[in-house]
N, C-alpha and C. Protein backbone atom coordinates (compact mmCIF):
# COMPACT_ATOMS: atom_id res chain seq x y z
N UNK A 1 0.00 187.16 111.69
CA UNK A 1 0.91 187.57 110.33
C UNK A 1 1.49 186.32 109.80
N UNK A 2 1.11 185.80 108.35
CA UNK A 2 1.96 184.87 107.97
C UNK A 2 3.60 185.02 107.81
N UNK A 3 4.01 183.88 108.21
CA UNK A 3 5.77 184.41 108.19
C UNK A 3 6.04 183.77 106.99
N UNK A 4 5.59 183.41 106.03
CA UNK A 4 6.13 183.12 104.88
C UNK A 4 5.26 183.32 103.61
N UNK A 5 5.64 183.44 102.06
CA UNK A 5 4.25 183.43 101.06
C UNK A 5 5.32 182.46 100.13
N UNK A 6 4.06 181.92 99.76
CA UNK A 6 4.68 180.50 98.94
C UNK A 6 3.44 180.45 97.71
N UNK A 7 4.42 180.97 96.21
CA UNK A 7 3.59 181.41 95.19
C UNK A 7 3.90 180.33 93.86
N UNK A 8 3.05 179.72 93.20
CA UNK A 8 3.66 178.63 92.35
C UNK A 8 3.17 178.86 90.91
N UNK A 9 4.00 178.63 90.00
CA UNK A 9 3.05 179.03 88.39
C UNK A 9 4.20 178.33 87.54
N UNK A 10 3.65 177.74 86.56
CA UNK A 10 3.86 177.23 85.58
C UNK A 10 4.07 178.25 84.16
N UNK A 11 5.27 178.21 83.64
CA UNK A 11 5.87 178.89 82.56
C UNK A 11 5.87 177.75 81.19
N UNK A 12 5.23 178.15 80.29
CA UNK A 12 5.45 177.90 79.16
C UNK A 12 7.18 178.10 78.28
N UNK A 13 7.97 177.61 79.25
CA UNK A 13 9.73 177.85 78.59
C UNK A 13 10.48 177.03 79.13
N UNK A 14 11.64 176.84 78.38
CA UNK A 14 12.42 176.04 79.01
C UNK A 14 13.19 176.49 80.25
N UNK A 15 13.67 175.73 80.71
CA UNK A 15 13.89 176.26 82.58
C UNK A 15 15.22 177.04 82.51
N UNK A 16 16.21 176.94 81.52
CA UNK A 16 17.28 177.61 81.00
C UNK A 16 17.27 179.00 80.52
N UNK A 17 15.96 179.87 80.30
CA UNK A 17 15.31 180.45 79.73
C UNK A 17 14.54 181.56 81.25
N UNK A 18 14.38 180.35 81.42
CA UNK A 18 13.30 180.99 82.62
C UNK A 18 14.42 181.62 83.74
N UNK A 19 15.43 180.80 84.02
CA UNK A 19 16.81 181.33 85.31
C UNK A 19 17.34 182.38 84.29
N UNK A 20 17.18 182.53 82.64
CA UNK A 20 18.00 183.53 82.71
C UNK A 20 17.57 185.02 82.70
N UNK A 21 15.94 185.32 82.45
CA UNK A 21 14.87 185.64 82.59
C UNK A 21 14.79 186.31 84.34
N UNK A 22 15.08 185.53 85.04
CA UNK A 22 15.49 186.04 86.62
C UNK A 22 16.81 186.94 86.60
N UNK A 23 17.59 186.77 86.27
CA UNK A 23 18.85 186.83 86.45
C UNK A 23 19.76 187.82 85.72
N UNK A 24 19.06 187.86 84.39
CA UNK A 24 19.45 188.89 83.22
C UNK A 24 19.22 190.64 83.86
N UNK A 25 19.79 191.30 84.01
CA UNK A 25 19.15 192.80 84.15
C UNK A 25 17.98 193.26 82.56
N UNK A 26 18.64 193.13 81.77
CA UNK A 26 17.76 192.99 80.13
C UNK A 26 16.37 192.72 80.61
N UNK A 27 16.44 191.77 81.15
CA UNK A 27 14.75 190.95 80.90
C UNK A 27 14.19 191.26 82.28
N UNK A 28 14.69 191.79 83.87
CA UNK A 28 13.89 192.01 84.83
C UNK A 28 13.88 193.24 84.83
N UNK A 29 14.25 194.07 83.61
CA UNK A 29 13.66 195.94 83.85
C UNK A 29 12.22 195.78 83.29
N UNK A 30 12.23 194.40 82.28
CA UNK A 30 10.65 194.18 81.41
C UNK A 30 9.43 193.95 82.21
N UNK A 31 9.98 192.93 83.44
CA UNK A 31 8.90 192.71 84.13
C UNK A 31 8.63 193.20 85.64
N UNK A 32 10.19 193.21 85.84
CA UNK A 32 9.89 193.76 87.61
C UNK A 32 10.28 195.07 88.04
N UNK A 33 9.30 196.15 87.77
CA UNK A 33 9.32 197.27 87.95
C UNK A 33 9.95 197.65 87.70
N UNK A 34 10.58 197.57 86.04
CA UNK A 34 11.72 198.55 85.57
C UNK A 34 13.32 198.05 86.57
N UNK A 35 13.23 197.81 87.11
CA UNK A 35 14.44 197.09 88.26
C UNK A 35 15.55 196.41 87.90
N UNK A 36 16.54 196.18 88.06
CA UNK A 36 17.41 195.72 87.68
C UNK A 36 18.67 195.25 88.13
N UNK A 37 19.45 193.84 88.44
CA UNK A 37 20.89 193.72 88.53
C UNK A 37 21.79 194.43 88.58
N UNK A 38 22.37 194.76 89.44
CA UNK A 38 23.62 195.82 89.36
C UNK A 38 25.10 194.42 88.82
N UNK A 39 25.22 193.62 89.21
CA UNK A 39 26.13 192.73 89.20
C UNK A 39 24.93 190.98 89.22
N UNK A 40 25.71 189.95 88.26
CA UNK A 40 25.07 188.80 88.30
C UNK A 40 24.92 188.46 89.80
N UNK A 41 24.38 187.85 90.28
CA UNK A 41 24.10 186.59 91.72
C UNK A 41 24.96 185.94 91.94
N UNK A 42 26.01 186.22 92.80
CA UNK A 42 26.74 185.31 93.07
C UNK A 42 26.86 184.92 94.77
N UNK A 43 26.83 183.76 95.44
CA UNK A 43 26.86 183.15 96.45
C UNK A 43 27.51 183.78 96.99
N UNK A 44 27.45 184.31 98.29
CA UNK A 44 27.92 184.78 99.74
C UNK A 44 28.89 186.48 99.31
N UNK A 45 28.04 186.75 98.37
CA UNK A 45 28.06 188.51 97.46
C UNK A 45 26.41 189.07 97.78
N UNK A 46 27.53 190.14 98.18
CA UNK A 46 26.23 191.17 98.51
C UNK A 46 25.10 191.73 96.71
N UNK A 47 24.18 191.86 96.70
CA UNK A 47 23.72 192.63 95.38
C UNK A 47 22.89 193.52 95.72
N UNK A 48 22.17 194.31 94.62
CA UNK A 48 21.65 195.31 94.63
C UNK A 48 20.78 195.33 93.59
N UNK A 49 19.47 195.98 93.61
CA UNK A 49 18.55 196.13 92.40
C UNK A 49 18.63 197.82 92.18
N UNK A 50 18.22 197.79 91.19
CA UNK A 50 18.21 199.90 90.85
C UNK A 50 16.59 199.62 89.79
N UNK A 51 16.75 200.97 90.26
CA UNK A 51 15.37 201.76 89.70
C UNK A 51 15.59 202.27 88.62
N UNK A 52 15.03 202.50 87.58
CA UNK A 52 15.80 203.61 86.29
C UNK A 52 16.28 204.33 86.60
N UNK A 53 16.24 205.84 87.85
CA UNK A 53 16.97 206.35 87.90
C UNK A 53 17.79 206.04 88.61
N UNK A 54 18.37 205.09 89.26
CA UNK A 54 19.66 204.53 89.68
C UNK A 54 19.77 204.77 91.40
N UNK A 55 18.37 204.34 91.82
CA UNK A 55 18.00 204.32 92.98
C UNK A 55 17.93 202.88 93.55
N UNK A 56 18.54 202.87 94.59
CA UNK A 56 18.29 201.49 94.89
C UNK A 56 17.18 200.82 95.31
N UNK A 57 16.50 199.56 94.94
CA UNK A 57 15.17 199.57 95.28
C UNK A 57 15.27 198.49 96.69
N UNK A 58 16.76 197.39 96.31
CA UNK A 58 16.06 196.21 97.00
C UNK A 58 17.90 195.79 97.23
N UNK A 59 17.94 195.56 98.40
CA UNK A 59 19.31 194.90 98.88
C UNK A 59 18.83 193.51 99.88
N UNK A 60 20.08 193.02 99.34
CA UNK A 60 20.88 191.83 100.30
C UNK A 60 21.70 191.31 100.34
N UNK A 61 21.43 189.43 100.62
CA UNK A 61 23.02 188.62 100.34
C UNK A 61 22.28 187.86 99.65
N UNK A 62 23.33 187.24 98.31
CA UNK A 62 23.02 186.02 97.79
C UNK A 62 23.31 184.85 98.87
N UNK A 63 22.36 183.81 99.12
CA UNK A 63 23.00 182.88 100.12
C UNK A 63 23.17 181.87 99.41
N UNK A 64 22.56 181.21 98.16
CA UNK A 64 22.69 180.09 96.84
C UNK A 64 22.15 180.83 95.63
N UNK A 65 22.97 179.72 94.86
CA UNK A 65 22.89 179.93 93.09
C UNK A 65 23.20 178.63 92.74
N UNK A 66 22.35 178.38 92.34
CA UNK A 66 22.11 176.78 91.76
C UNK A 66 22.05 176.68 89.88
N UNK A 67 21.86 177.09 89.02
CA UNK A 67 21.95 177.60 87.84
C UNK A 67 20.98 176.53 86.90
N UNK A 68 20.31 176.15 86.31
CA UNK A 68 18.79 176.68 86.96
C UNK A 68 18.00 176.44 87.34
N UNK A 69 18.53 175.63 88.04
CA UNK A 69 17.03 175.57 89.57
C UNK A 69 16.91 175.96 90.57
N UNK A 70 18.10 177.21 91.01
CA UNK A 70 17.64 177.46 92.73
C UNK A 70 18.66 178.95 92.77
N UNK A 71 17.90 180.21 93.39
CA UNK A 71 18.08 181.49 93.57
C UNK A 71 17.98 181.95 94.88
N UNK A 72 18.62 182.05 95.94
CA UNK A 72 18.01 182.50 97.20
C UNK A 72 18.82 183.53 97.62
N UNK A 73 18.20 184.74 98.07
CA UNK A 73 18.88 185.69 98.48
C UNK A 73 17.87 186.78 99.62
N UNK A 74 18.43 187.23 100.30
CA UNK A 74 17.96 188.07 101.17
C UNK A 74 17.14 189.09 100.35
N UNK A 75 16.44 189.82 101.75
CA UNK A 75 15.52 190.66 100.95
C UNK A 75 15.09 192.06 101.81
N UNK A 76 15.47 193.24 100.97
CA UNK A 76 15.19 194.55 101.98
C UNK A 76 14.88 195.32 101.10
N UNK A 77 13.87 195.48 100.90
CA UNK A 77 13.41 196.68 100.13
C UNK A 77 13.38 198.35 100.80
N UNK A 78 14.49 198.89 99.83
CA UNK A 78 15.27 200.14 100.76
C UNK A 78 14.69 201.49 99.69
N UNK A 79 13.38 200.88 98.47
CA UNK A 79 12.83 202.23 98.29
C UNK A 79 11.92 203.00 98.83
N UNK A 80 11.60 202.34 99.94
CA UNK A 80 10.63 202.94 101.07
C UNK A 80 11.10 203.08 102.18
N UNK A 81 11.36 204.04 102.94
CA UNK A 81 12.26 204.23 104.18
C UNK A 81 11.74 203.26 105.35
N UNK A 82 10.34 203.38 105.62
CA UNK A 82 10.13 202.70 106.42
C UNK A 82 10.17 200.97 106.09
N UNK A 83 10.61 200.38 105.10
CA UNK A 83 10.46 198.78 104.78
C UNK A 83 11.80 198.51 104.79
N UNK A 84 12.54 199.70 104.42
CA UNK A 84 14.24 199.02 104.47
C UNK A 84 14.17 199.39 105.92
N UNK A 85 13.85 200.20 107.02
CA UNK A 85 14.32 199.88 108.32
C UNK A 85 13.78 198.19 109.06
N UNK A 86 12.91 197.88 108.33
CA UNK A 86 12.65 196.27 108.76
C UNK A 86 14.19 195.65 108.54
N UNK A 87 13.97 194.36 109.25
CA UNK A 87 14.90 193.46 108.97
C UNK A 87 14.50 192.78 107.63
N UNK A 88 15.62 192.05 107.33
CA UNK A 88 15.89 191.74 105.78
C UNK A 88 14.58 190.35 106.00
N UNK A 89 14.11 189.81 104.91
CA UNK A 89 14.10 188.67 104.60
C UNK A 89 14.25 187.80 103.68
N UNK A 90 13.38 186.67 103.02
CA UNK A 90 14.77 185.80 102.69
C UNK A 90 13.30 185.60 101.09
N UNK A 91 14.24 185.21 99.60
CA UNK A 91 13.36 184.92 98.40
C UNK A 91 13.99 183.73 98.24
N UNK A 92 13.07 182.64 97.83
CA UNK A 92 13.90 181.35 96.86
C UNK A 92 12.99 181.44 95.87
N UNK A 93 14.18 181.38 94.82
CA UNK A 93 13.42 180.96 93.40
C UNK A 93 13.47 179.57 93.34
N UNK A 94 12.92 178.89 93.28
CA UNK A 94 13.04 177.32 92.66
C UNK A 94 12.80 177.09 91.46
N UNK A 95 13.23 176.45 90.64
CA UNK A 95 12.59 176.24 89.08
C UNK A 95 12.83 174.79 89.14
N UNK A 96 11.91 173.82 88.51
CA UNK A 96 11.95 172.57 87.97
C UNK A 96 11.26 172.38 86.28
N UNK A 97 12.46 171.64 85.96
CA UNK A 97 11.68 171.32 84.70
C UNK A 97 10.63 170.44 84.70
N UNK A 98 9.51 170.48 83.91
CA UNK A 98 8.18 170.27 84.32
C UNK A 98 7.05 169.66 82.63
N UNK A 99 8.17 169.26 81.65
CA UNK A 99 7.69 168.67 80.23
C UNK A 99 9.05 169.65 79.54
N UNK A 100 8.75 169.12 78.53
CA UNK A 100 9.66 169.61 77.13
C UNK A 100 8.79 171.38 76.94
N UNK A 101 9.32 172.18 77.30
CA UNK A 101 9.24 173.67 76.92
C UNK A 101 8.54 173.95 78.28
N UNK A 102 8.40 173.13 79.49
CA UNK A 102 7.36 173.86 80.74
C UNK A 102 8.60 173.73 82.08
N UNK A 103 8.33 174.82 82.44
CA UNK A 103 8.72 174.94 83.93
C UNK A 103 7.83 175.47 84.91
N UNK A 104 8.19 174.97 85.90
CA UNK A 104 7.20 175.07 87.33
C UNK A 104 8.45 175.93 88.25
N UNK A 105 7.85 176.91 88.55
CA UNK A 105 8.12 178.13 89.30
C UNK A 105 7.61 178.39 90.59
N UNK A 106 8.64 178.15 91.40
CA UNK A 106 7.97 177.88 93.03
C UNK A 106 9.04 179.18 93.64
N UNK A 107 8.15 180.33 93.99
CA UNK A 107 8.79 181.30 94.55
C UNK A 107 8.37 181.17 96.48
N UNK A 108 9.50 181.17 97.43
CA UNK A 108 8.96 180.89 99.05
C UNK A 108 9.57 182.32 99.04
N UNK A 109 8.78 183.42 99.85
CA UNK A 109 9.03 185.03 100.38
C UNK A 109 9.14 184.49 101.92
N UNK A 110 10.31 184.44 102.78
CA UNK A 110 9.99 183.92 104.06
C UNK A 110 11.24 184.97 105.05
N UNK A 111 10.43 184.55 105.81
CA UNK A 111 11.69 184.97 107.05
C UNK A 111 10.79 186.47 107.36
N UNK A 112 9.45 186.71 107.55
CA UNK A 112 8.79 187.81 107.81
C UNK A 112 7.91 187.95 108.38
N UNK A 113 8.64 187.37 109.49
CA UNK A 113 7.99 187.81 111.47
C UNK A 113 8.18 188.72 111.64
N UNK A 114 9.14 189.49 111.15
CA UNK A 114 9.89 190.63 112.38
C UNK A 114 9.56 191.72 111.33
N UNK A 115 9.15 191.41 109.63
CA UNK A 115 8.94 193.00 109.21
C UNK A 115 7.87 192.49 108.25
N UNK A 116 6.59 193.13 109.35
CA UNK A 116 5.64 192.91 109.01
C UNK A 116 5.12 194.45 107.50
N UNK A 117 5.45 195.48 107.71
CA UNK A 117 5.58 196.21 106.32
C UNK A 117 5.51 195.44 105.18
N UNK A 118 6.73 194.44 105.20
CA UNK A 118 7.74 193.85 104.00
C UNK A 118 6.37 193.02 103.93
N UNK A 119 5.93 192.25 104.74
CA UNK A 119 5.16 190.97 104.73
C UNK A 119 4.02 191.63 103.60
N UNK A 120 3.64 192.84 104.21
CA UNK A 120 2.13 193.19 103.65
C UNK A 120 2.42 193.55 102.12
N UNK A 121 3.31 194.24 102.13
CA UNK A 121 3.64 195.26 100.61
C UNK A 121 3.85 193.83 99.25
N UNK A 122 4.46 192.77 99.80
CA UNK A 122 4.62 191.69 99.16
C UNK A 122 3.88 190.67 98.80
N UNK A 123 2.71 190.50 99.62
CA UNK A 123 1.65 189.63 99.83
C UNK A 123 1.51 189.31 98.00
N UNK A 124 0.74 190.65 97.39
CA UNK A 124 -0.35 190.53 96.49
C UNK A 124 0.96 191.02 94.93
N UNK A 125 2.35 191.90 95.69
CA UNK A 125 3.42 192.00 94.57
C UNK A 125 3.70 190.95 93.90
N UNK A 126 4.04 190.01 94.69
CA UNK A 126 5.01 188.97 93.97
C UNK A 126 4.06 188.10 92.39
N UNK A 127 2.48 188.15 93.12
CA UNK A 127 1.61 188.24 91.77
C UNK A 127 1.84 188.42 90.35
N UNK A 128 2.01 189.50 90.83
CA UNK A 128 2.13 190.53 89.51
C UNK A 128 3.54 190.47 88.70
N UNK A 129 4.66 190.12 89.68
CA UNK A 129 6.08 189.71 89.05
C UNK A 129 5.67 188.60 88.06
N UNK A 130 5.76 188.07 88.91
CA UNK A 130 5.29 186.67 88.65
C UNK A 130 4.50 186.33 86.94
N UNK A 131 2.89 186.65 87.26
CA UNK A 131 2.52 186.93 85.99
C UNK A 131 3.60 187.49 85.01
N UNK A 132 3.85 189.11 85.07
CA UNK A 132 4.33 189.30 84.11
C UNK A 132 5.61 188.49 83.25
N UNK A 133 6.35 188.07 84.39
CA UNK A 133 7.64 187.28 84.15
C UNK A 133 6.55 186.04 83.33
N UNK A 134 6.04 185.30 83.23
CA UNK A 134 5.11 184.30 82.66
C UNK A 134 4.69 185.17 81.09
N UNK A 135 4.15 186.48 81.25
CA UNK A 135 3.68 186.99 80.09
C UNK A 135 5.22 186.93 79.13
N UNK A 136 6.14 187.67 79.35
CA UNK A 136 7.10 188.21 79.14
C UNK A 136 7.72 186.82 78.35
N UNK A 137 7.97 185.86 79.08
CA UNK A 137 8.69 184.36 78.22
C UNK A 137 7.65 183.68 77.87
N UNK A 138 6.00 184.04 77.65
CA UNK A 138 5.34 182.91 76.49
C UNK A 138 4.83 183.65 75.56
N UNK A 139 5.09 185.12 75.51
CA UNK A 139 4.66 186.16 74.36
C UNK A 139 5.37 186.74 74.40
N UNK A 140 6.45 187.65 74.73
CA UNK A 140 7.22 188.15 74.23
C UNK A 140 7.15 190.11 75.20
N UNK A 141 6.48 189.73 75.60
CA UNK A 141 5.80 191.14 76.29
C UNK A 141 5.07 190.97 77.75
N UNK A 142 5.76 191.87 78.68
CA UNK A 142 5.20 192.01 79.99
C UNK A 142 3.94 192.51 80.20
N UNK A 143 3.15 192.05 80.72
CA UNK A 143 2.24 192.66 81.38
C UNK A 143 2.30 194.44 80.85
N UNK A 144 1.25 194.87 80.60
CA UNK A 144 0.79 196.35 80.95
C UNK A 144 0.60 197.03 81.92
N UNK A 145 0.84 197.90 82.51
CA UNK A 145 0.84 198.79 83.68
C UNK A 145 -0.92 198.91 84.00
N UNK A 146 -1.04 197.64 84.89
CA UNK A 146 -2.40 197.60 85.66
C UNK A 146 -2.89 199.88 85.86
N UNK A 147 -4.14 199.24 85.61
CA UNK A 147 -5.06 200.11 86.43
C UNK A 147 -6.27 199.58 87.18
N UNK A 148 -6.06 200.04 88.58
CA UNK A 148 -6.94 199.06 89.20
C UNK A 148 -7.93 199.61 89.52
N UNK A 149 -9.48 199.58 89.22
CA UNK A 149 -10.43 200.07 89.54
C UNK A 149 -11.29 199.99 91.01
N UNK A 150 -12.20 200.04 90.89
CA UNK A 150 -13.14 200.14 92.25
C UNK A 150 -14.07 198.67 91.66
N UNK A 151 -14.60 197.70 92.40
CA UNK A 151 -15.45 196.74 92.42
C UNK A 151 -17.48 197.84 91.91
N UNK A 152 -17.40 198.97 92.24
CA UNK A 152 -18.43 199.58 91.58
C UNK A 152 -18.21 200.74 90.34
N UNK A 153 -16.84 200.26 90.06
CA UNK A 153 -16.62 201.15 88.80
C UNK A 153 -16.88 200.09 87.38
N UNK A 154 -17.69 200.35 86.34
CA UNK A 154 -17.49 199.81 85.13
C UNK A 154 -16.80 199.61 84.55
N UNK A 155 -16.38 198.36 83.75
CA UNK A 155 -15.09 198.48 83.02
C UNK A 155 -15.47 199.16 81.72
N UNK A 156 -14.12 199.74 81.08
CA UNK A 156 -14.27 200.73 79.93
C UNK A 156 -14.31 199.20 78.85
N UNK A 157 -15.19 199.82 77.67
CA UNK A 157 -14.57 198.68 76.49
C UNK A 157 -14.48 199.55 75.74
């Protein structure tokens, strides 16, 4: 099992705009499976994200907040009972200005050694989140809901 997942993406947006999209509830509702922060992230404080019906999706502790460069928090997905029973892992969002109007976002999800279900669940899940965030910031619209097809199924035209 991999103990950490690392994702990197370049987004054609100013670093402050990427930071805002990561921490603003109205923004996260658009690209993060309709979830949102209930309070702004504050170092040393607990946090929750909620689904549209008010159900808690994720909870954890904010470890570090350094706007607009770094947000680190623990992660426990409680929308699923089995995932919620695992120990918390950690997510680090590292933003770097990569040029005029360009931001490099590096996401590291680690401390997964004791959380195999979470490790499996987030492996591909972060790709969707980051791609939808990129789409939102670059085009004004998040990705539409994807419908996965089997490899044998022809693409519709």
